Amino acid sequence: MTEETPGFDEKPDVPSGATPEDAEPQAASPSSGEGAAPAGDAAQIAGLTAQLDQVRKALEERTADLQRLQAEFQNYRRRVERDRITVKEIAIANLLTELLPVLDDIGRARDHGELVGGFKSVAESLETVAAKMGLQQFGKEGEPFDPTIHEALMHSYAPDVTETTCVAILQPGYRFGERTIRPARVAVAEPQPGAQTVKSDEAETADDKESGGPDEG
């Protein structure tokens, strides 16, 4: 007996009504897989792009917040420094204001020749310290009267002034920086009433004399 080797002559079962070609295994169509891969990559790239845009937007928002906070902090520092300087100036101005009566006494003693000996040394040291702190004295005879820094206590007329002038300093004024601690108390003099008219007439007469007198008709 001859033994039949299974599998060599056997043919695959073919359903009834089917052709032999139908029984052949069909190769997988690569077109479906190849088309699906690029579509998946595009979707993934689109998703990553959207995430990147969100991250960029969040970064811009956080950067703007940081810049705003930094600007607010700088403004706060400047405001604190300005307030600190203002408080310091007010404290120094108050201290110098309390020293003004002492400085007035020193000035009167100097005018009367009483600033001698140890009292002179102490007085000059006090004036030096006050000057170093920024105290400035103002008010001189002959300067024009300025109501913003002068206080007129006496008033008179004088023929030798052409405007309201400080003719005597009754009490000097003091300032600290741009702040006037005390105005200078002065005596002022104004031009004589009608003096300007007289001077104008005299000037016209002099001009007439220089030109040979008035024209004769």
C-alpha atoms as a PDB file:
ATOM      1  CA  MET A   1       0.000   0.000   0.000  1.00  0.00           C
ATOM      2  CA  THR A   2       1.205   3.411  -0.751  1.00  0.00           C
ATOM      3  CA  GLU A   3       0.835   5.944   1.916  1.00  0.00           C
ATOM      4  CA  GLU A   4      -0.581   9.240   0.886  1.00  0.00           C
ATOM      5  CA  THR A   5       1.195  12.217   2.188  1.00  0.00           C
ATOM      6  CA  PRO A   6      -1.424  14.545   3.538  1.00  0.00           C
ATOM      7  CA  GLY A   7      -1.433  18.114   2.384  1.00  0.00           C
ATOM      8  CA  PHE A   8       0.167  17.751  -1.047  1.00  0.00           C
ATOM      9  CA  ASP A   9      -2.820  16.988  -3.223  1.00  0.00           C
ATOM     10  CA  GLU A  10      -5.466  18.484  -1.074  1.00  0.00           C
ATOM     11  CA  LYS A  11      -7.160  21.579  -2.314  1.00  0.00           C
ATOM     12  CA  PRO A  12      -8.826  24.153  -0.148  1.00  0.00           C
ATOM     13  CA  ASP A  13     -12.487  23.839   0.254  1.00  0.00           C
ATOM     14  CA  VAL A  14     -14.302  25.973  -2.224  1.00  0.00           C
ATOM     15  CA  PRO A  15     -17.843  26.952  -1.530  1.00  0.00           C
ATOM     16  CA  SER A  16     -20.369  25.962  -4.047  1.00  0.00           C
ATOM     17  CA  GLY A  17     -20.839  28.516  -6.773  1.00  0.00           C
ATOM     18  CA  ALA A  18     -17.426  30.100  -6.194  1.00  0.00           C
ATOM     19  CA  THR A  19     -14.594  30.130  -8.675  1.00  0.00           C
ATOM     20  CA  PRO A  20     -11.186  28.827  -7.795  1.00  0.00           C
ATOM     21  CA  GLU A  21      -9.778  32.317  -7.803  1.00  0.00           C
ATOM     22  CA  ASP A  22     -12.053  33.095  -4.885  1.00  0.00           C
ATOM     23  CA  ALA A  23     -10.311  30.483  -2.840  1.00  0.00           C
ATOM     24  CA  GLU A  24      -6.904  32.166  -3.250  1.00  0.00           C
ATOM     25  CA  PRO A  25      -5.913  34.307  -0.290  1.00  0.00           C
ATOM     26  CA  GLN A  26      -6.279  37.932  -1.029  1.00  0.00           C
ATOM     27  CA  ALA A  27      -3.363  40.164  -0.197  1.00  0.00           C
ATOM     28  CA  ALA A  28      -4.159  42.949   2.205  1.00  0.00           C
ATOM     29  CA  SER A  29      -4.701  46.178   0.389  1.00  0.00           C
ATOM     30  CA  PRO A  30      -1.943  48.558   1.474  1.00  0.00           C
ATOM     31  CA  SER A  31      -3.824  51.597   0.309  1.00  0.00           C
ATOM     32  CA  SER A  32      -6.087  51.709   3.368  1.00  0.00           C
ATOM     33  CA  GLY A  33      -3.189  51.600   5.841  1.00  0.00           C
ATOM     34  CA  GLU A  34      -1.066  54.043   3.924  1.00  0.00           C
ATOM     35  CA  GLY A  35      -3.946  56.524   3.783  1.00  0.00           C
ATOM     36  CA  ALA A  36      -4.724  56.223   7.487  1.00  0.00           C
ATOM     37  CA  ALA A  37      -1.165  56.949   8.633  1.00  0.00           C
ATOM     38  CA  PRO A  38      -0.849  60.471   7.136  1.00  0.00           C
ATOM     39  CA  ALA A  39      -4.301  61.409   8.404  1.00  0.00           C
ATOM     40  CA  GLY A  40      -3.341  60.379  11.927  1.00  0.00           C
ATOM     41  CA  ASP A  41      -0.077  62.340  11.753  1.00  0.00           C
ATOM     42  CA  ALA A  42      -1.922  65.471  10.580  1.00  0.00           C
ATOM     43  CA  ALA A  43      -4.396  65.197  13.434  1.00  0.00           C
ATOM     44  CA  GLN A  44      -1.567  64.749  15.922  1.00  0.00           C
ATOM     45  CA  ILE A  45       0.314  67.758  14.514  1.00  0.00           C
ATOM     46  CA  ALA A  46      -2.849  69.864  14.664  1.00  0.00           C
ATOM     47  CA  GLY A  47      -3.345  68.879  18.289  1.00  0.00           C
ATOM     48  CA  LEU A  48       0.245  69.719  19.183  1.00  0.00           C
ATOM     49  CA  THR A  49      -0.054  73.077  17.383  1.00  0.00           C
ATOM     50  CA  ALA A  50      -3.198  73.897  19.342  1.00  0.00           C
ATOM     51  CA  GLN A  51      -1.454  72.988  22.602  1.00  0.00           C
ATOM     52  CA  LEU A  52       1.551  75.127  21.627  1.00  0.00           C
ATOM     53  CA  ASP A  53      -0.720  78.075  20.895  1.00  0.00           C
ATOM     54  CA  GLN A  54      -2.353  77.658  24.306  1.00  0.00           C
ATOM     55  CA  VAL A  55       1.042  77.524  26.007  1.00  0.00           C
ATOM     56  CA  ARG A  56       2.183  80.637  24.153  1.00  0.00           C
ATOM     57  CA  LYS A  57      -0.988  82.470  25.086  1.00  0.00           C
ATOM     58  CA  ALA A  58      -0.600  81.468  28.736  1.00  0.00           C
ATOM     59  CA  LEU A  59       3.053  82.571  28.646  1.00  0.00           C
ATOM     60  CA  GLU A  60       2.106  85.955  27.207  1.00  0.00           C
ATOM     61  CA  GLU A  61      -0.547  86.421  29.897  1.00  0.00           C
ATOM     62  CA  ARG A  62       1.883  85.496  32.678  1.00  0.00           C
ATOM     63  CA  THR A  63       4.540  87.781  31.202  1.00  0.00           C
ATOM     64  CA  ALA A  64       2.061  90.676  31.081  1.00  0.00           C
ATOM     65  CA  ASP A  65       1.070  89.972  34.694  1.00  0.00           C
ATOM     66  CA  LEU A  66       4.711  89.937  35.740  1.00  0.00           C
ATOM     67  CA  GLN A  67       5.429  93.213  33.938  1.00  0.00           C
ATOM     68  CA  ARG A  68       2.376  94.838  35.533  1.00  0.00           C
ATOM     69  CA  LEU A  69       3.415  93.646  38.989  1.00  0.00           C
ATOM     70  CA  GLN A  70       6.957  94.869  38.404  1.00  0.00           C
ATOM     71  CA  ALA A  71       5.689  98.315  37.332  1.00  0.00           C
ATOM     72  CA  GLU A  72       3.399  98.485  40.373  1.00  0.00           C
ATOM     73  CA  PHE A  73       6.308  97.544  42.624  1.00  0.00           C
ATOM     74  CA  GLN A  74       8.539 100.219  41.098  1.00  0.00           C
ATOM     75  CA  ASN A  75       5.792 102.815  41.571  1.00  0.00           C
ATOM     76  CA  TYR A  76       5.377 101.659  45.167  1.00  0.00           C
ATOM     77  CA  ARG A  77       9.118 101.991  45.816  1.00  0.00           C
ATOM     78  CA  ARG A  78       9.196 105.494  44.326  1.00  0.00           C
ATOM     79  CA  ARG A  79       6.150 106.522  46.355  1.00  0.00           C
ATOM     80  CA  VAL A  80       7.662 105.159  49.564  1.00  0.00           C
ATOM     81  CA  GLU A  81      10.963 106.925  48.867  1.00  0.00           C
ATOM     82  CA  ARG A  82       9.149 110.183  48.080  1.00  0.00           C
ATOM     83  CA  ASP A  83       7.088 109.916  51.261  1.00  0.00           C
ATOM     84  CA  ARG A  84      10.215 109.150  53.279  1.00  0.00           C
ATOM     85  CA  ILE A  85      11.973 112.254  51.922  1.00  0.00           C
ATOM     86  CA  THR A  86       8.881 114.377  52.566  1.00  0.00           C
ATOM     87  CA  VAL A  87       8.587 113.172  56.170  1.00  0.00           C
ATOM     88  CA  LYS A  88      12.287 113.845  56.705  1.00  0.00           C
ATOM     89  CA  GLU A  89      12.008 117.370  55.279  1.00  0.00           C
ATOM     90  CA  ILE A  90       8.977 118.126  57.433  1.00  0.00           C
ATOM     91  CA  ALA A  91      10.787 116.908  60.558  1.00  0.00           C
ATOM     92  CA  ILE A  92      13.865 119.052  59.778  1.00  0.00           C
ATOM     93  CA  ALA A  93      11.703 122.073  58.951  1.00  0.00           C
ATOM     94  CA  ASN A  94       9.853 121.729  62.269  1.00  0.00           C
ATOM     95  CA  LEU A  95      13.144 121.503  64.144  1.00  0.00           C
ATOM     96  CA  LEU A  96      14.573 124.553  62.385  1.00  0.00           C
ATOM     97  CA  THR A  97      11.373 126.497  63.056  1.00  0.00           C
ATOM     98  CA  GLU A  98      11.856 125.898  66.773  1.00  0.00           C
ATOM     99  CA  LEU A  99      15.411 127.264  66.490  1.00  0.00           C
ATOM    100  CA  LEU A 100      14.415 130.545  64.816  1.00  0.00           C
ATOM    101  CA  PRO A 101      13.831 132.486  68.076  1.00  0.00           C
ATOM    102  CA  VAL A 102      17.302 131.441  69.243  1.00  0.00           C
ATOM    103  CA  LEU A 103      18.809 132.576  65.950  1.00  0.00           C
ATOM    104  CA  ASP A 104      16.944 135.892  66.277  1.00  0.00           C
ATOM    105  CA  ASP A 105      18.471 136.392  69.742  1.00  0.00           C
ATOM    106  CA  ILE A 106      21.912 135.646  68.328  1.00  0.00           C
ATOM    107  CA  GLY A 107      21.366 138.176  65.558  1.00  0.00           C
ATOM    108  CA  ARG A 108      20.279 140.881  67.988  1.00  0.00           C
ATOM    109  CA  ALA A 109      23.254 140.155  70.249  1.00  0.00           C
ATOM    110  CA  ARG A 110      25.563 140.478  67.256  1.00  0.00           C
ATOM    111  CA  ASP A 111      23.993 143.800  66.239  1.00  0.00           C
ATOM    112  CA  HIS A 112      24.527 145.174  69.758  1.00  0.00           C
ATOM    113  CA  GLY A 113      28.083 143.886  70.040  1.00  0.00           C
ATOM    114  CA  GLU A 114      27.192 141.417  72.778  1.00  0.00           C
ATOM    115  CA  LEU A 115      28.306 138.308  70.887  1.00  0.00           C
ATOM    116  CA  VAL A 116      31.618 137.738  72.663  1.00  0.00           C
ATOM    117  CA  GLY A 117      33.509 135.021  74.519  1.00  0.00           C
ATOM    118  CA  GLY A 118      32.111 131.536  74.860  1.00  0.00           C
ATOM    119  CA  PHE A 119      28.639 132.696  73.877  1.00  0.00           C
ATOM    120  CA  LYS A 120      30.018 133.741  70.483  1.00  0.00           C
ATOM    121  CA  SER A 121      31.566 130.310  69.891  1.00  0.00           C
ATOM    122  CA  VAL A 122      28.352 128.498  70.814  1.00  0.00           C
ATOM    123  CA  ALA A 123      26.248 130.854  68.682  1.00  0.00           C
ATOM    124  CA  GLU A 124      28.459 130.434  65.626  1.00  0.00           C
ATOM    125  CA  SER A 125      28.436 126.650  66.053  1.00  0.00           C
ATOM    126  CA  LEU A 126      24.648 126.660  66.186  1.00  0.00           C
ATOM    127  CA  GLU A 127      24.422 128.797  63.047  1.00  0.00           C
ATOM    128  CA  THR A 128      26.847 126.458  61.261  1.00  0.00           C
ATOM    129  CA  VAL A 129      24.814 123.381  62.176  1.00  0.00           C
ATOM    130  CA  ALA A 130      21.582 125.061  61.044  1.00  0.00           C
ATOM    131  CA  ALA A 131      23.202 125.989  57.717  1.00  0.00           C
ATOM    132  CA  LYS A 132      24.414 122.410  57.202  1.00  0.00           C
ATOM    133  CA  MET A 133      20.866 121.202  57.744  1.00  0.00           C
ATOM    134  CA  GLY A 134      19.775 123.429  54.854  1.00  0.00           C
ATOM    135  CA  LEU A 135      18.558 126.585  56.614  1.00  0.00           C
ATOM    136  CA  GLN A 136      19.041 129.715  54.494  1.00  0.00           C
ATOM    137  CA  GLN A 137      18.554 133.307  55.598  1.00  0.00           C
ATOM    138  CA  PHE A 138      17.187 135.894  53.175  1.00  0.00           C
ATOM    139  CA  GLY A 139      16.091 139.506  53.156  1.00  0.00           C
ATOM    140  CA  LYS A 140      18.259 142.493  52.222  1.00  0.00           C
ATOM    141  CA  GLU A 141      17.692 146.214  52.199  1.00  0.00           C
ATOM    142  CA  GLY A 142      17.093 147.662  48.756  1.00  0.00           C
ATOM    143  CA  GLU A 143      15.595 144.575  47.151  1.00  0.00           C
ATOM    144  CA  PRO A 144      12.131 144.806  45.543  1.00  0.00           C
ATOM    145  CA  PHE A 145       9.224 143.879  47.760  1.00  0.00           C
ATOM    146  CA  ASP A 146       7.875 140.392  47.042  1.00  0.00           C
ATOM    147  CA  PRO A 147       4.684 139.522  48.940  1.00  0.00           C
ATOM    148  CA  THR A 148       5.424 135.798  48.608  1.00  0.00           C
ATOM    149  CA  ILE A 149       8.584 136.032  50.739  1.00  0.00           C
ATOM    150  CA  HIS A 150       8.240 139.424  52.475  1.00  0.00           C
ATOM    151  CA  GLU A 151       5.839 140.604  55.158  1.00  0.00           C
ATOM    152  CA  ALA A 152       5.501 144.384  55.266  1.00  0.00           C
ATOM    153  CA  LEU A 153       5.209 145.707  58.825  1.00  0.00           C
ATOM    154  CA  MET A 154       5.902 149.377  58.037  1.00  0.00           C
ATOM    155  CA  HIS A 155       5.036 151.502  55.020  1.00  0.00           C
ATOM    156  CA  SER A 156       6.302 154.867  53.816  1.00  0.00           C
ATOM    157  CA  TYR A 157       6.999 156.942  50.696  1.00  0.00           C
ATOM    158  CA  ALA A 158      10.429 157.820  49.370  1.00  0.00           C
ATOM    159  CA  PRO A 159      11.449 160.047  46.449  1.00  0.00           C
ATOM    160  CA  ASP A 160      14.433 157.891  45.491  1.00  0.00           C
ATOM    161  CA  VAL A 161      12.594 154.616  44.730  1.00  0.00           C
ATOM    162  CA  THR A 162      10.825 153.698  41.533  1.00  0.00           C
ATOM    163  CA  GLU A 163       8.973 150.654  42.906  1.00  0.00           C
ATOM    164  CA  THR A 164       7.906 149.213  46.227  1.00  0.00           C
ATOM    165  CA  THR A 165      11.229 148.504  47.931  1.00  0.00           C
ATOM    166  CA  CYS A 166      12.391 146.945  51.196  1.00  0.00           C
ATOM    167  CA  VAL A 167      14.160 149.789  52.972  1.00  0.00           C
ATOM    168  CA  ALA A 168      14.701 148.014  56.312  1.00  0.00           C
ATOM    169  CA  ILE A 169      14.842 144.376  57.436  1.00  0.00           C
ATOM    170  CA  LEU A 170      13.084 144.160  60.771  1.00  0.00           C
ATOM    171  CA  GLN A 171      13.429 140.382  61.010  1.00  0.00           C
ATOM    172  CA  PRO A 172      15.227 138.173  58.487  1.00  0.00           C
ATOM    173  CA  GLY A 173      13.385 135.433  56.657  1.00  0.00           C
ATOM    174  CA  TYR A 174      14.391 131.799  56.521  1.00  0.00           C
ATOM    175  CA  ARG A 175      13.834 129.045  53.986  1.00  0.00           C
ATOM    176  CA  PHE A 176      14.569 125.345  53.910  1.00  0.00           C
ATOM    177  CA  GLY A 177      15.062 124.127  50.361  1.00  0.00           C
ATOM    178  CA  GLU A 178      12.057 125.409  48.411  1.00  0.00           C
ATOM    179  CA  ARG A 179       9.998 125.787  51.579  1.00  0.00           C
ATOM    180  CA  THR A 180       9.709 129.249  53.185  1.00  0.00           C
ATOM    181  CA  ILE A 181       9.795 128.680  56.924  1.00  0.00           C
ATOM    182  CA  ARG A 182       9.285 132.340  57.798  1.00  0.00           C
ATOM    183  CA  PRO A 183       8.905 135.393  55.542  1.00  0.00           C
ATOM    184  CA  ALA A 184      11.227 138.340  56.014  1.00  0.00           C
ATOM    185  CA  ARG A 185       9.511 141.096  57.993  1.00  0.00           C
ATOM    186  CA  VAL A 186      10.416 144.404  56.424  1.00  0.00           C
ATOM    187  CA  ALA A 187       9.660 148.096  56.148  1.00  0.00           C
ATOM    188  CA  VAL A 188       8.762 149.118  52.630  1.00  0.00           C
ATOM    189  CA  ALA A 189       8.758 152.409  50.775  1.00  0.00           C
ATOM    190  CA  GLU A 190       6.816 153.359  47.687  1.00  0.00           C
ATOM    191  CA  PRO A 191       7.470 156.160  45.199  1.00  0.00           C
ATOM    192  CA  GLN A 192       6.028 159.545  46.137  1.00  0.00           C
ATOM    193  CA  PRO A 193       2.552 160.085  44.673  1.00  0.00           C
ATOM    194  CA  GLY A 194       2.941 162.224  41.534  1.00  0.00           C
ATOM    195  CA  ALA A 195       6.707 161.771  41.493  1.00  0.00           C
ATOM    196  CA  GLN A 196       6.513 159.805  38.294  1.00  0.00           C
ATOM    197  CA  THR A 197       4.457 162.571  36.638  1.00  0.00           C
ATOM    198  CA  VAL A 198       6.983 165.226  37.712  1.00  0.00           C
ATOM    199  CA  LYS A 199       9.843 163.144  36.385  1.00  0.00           C
ATOM    200  CA  SER A 200       8.036 162.706  33.074  1.00  0.00           C
ATOM    201  CA  ASP A 201       7.475 166.453  32.773  1.00  0.00           C
ATOM    202  CA  GLU A 202      11.117 167.145  33.581  1.00  0.00           C
ATOM    203  CA  ALA A 203      12.204 164.628  30.960  1.00  0.00           C
ATOM    204  CA  GLU A 204       9.978 166.278  28.324  1.00  0.00           C
ATOM    205  CA  THR A 205      11.350 169.729  29.235  1.00  0.00           C
ATOM    206  CA  ALA A 206      14.901 168.481  28.887  1.00  0.00           C
ATOM    207  CA  ASP A 207      14.092 166.997  25.497  1.00  0.00           C
ATOM    208  CA  ASP A 208      12.587 170.309  24.368  1.00  0.00           C
ATOM    209  CA  LYS A 209      15.711 172.184  25.439  1.00  0.00           C
ATOM    210  CA  GLU A 210      17.962 169.793  23.600  1.00  0.00           C
ATOM    211  CA  SER A 211      15.875 170.166  20.427  1.00  0.00           C
ATOM    212  CA  GLY A 212      15.945 173.967  20.562  1.00  0.00           C
ATOM    213  CA  GLY A 213      12.597 174.592  22.186  1.00  0.00           C
ATOM    214  CA  PRO A 214       9.084 174.155  20.903  1.00  0.00           C
ATOM    215  CA  ASP A 215       8.394 174.876  17.252  1.00  0.00           C
ATOM    216  CA  GLU A 216       7.236 178.459  16.594  1.00  0.00           C
ATOM    217  CA  GLY A 217       4.239 178.918  14.285  1.00  0.00           C
END
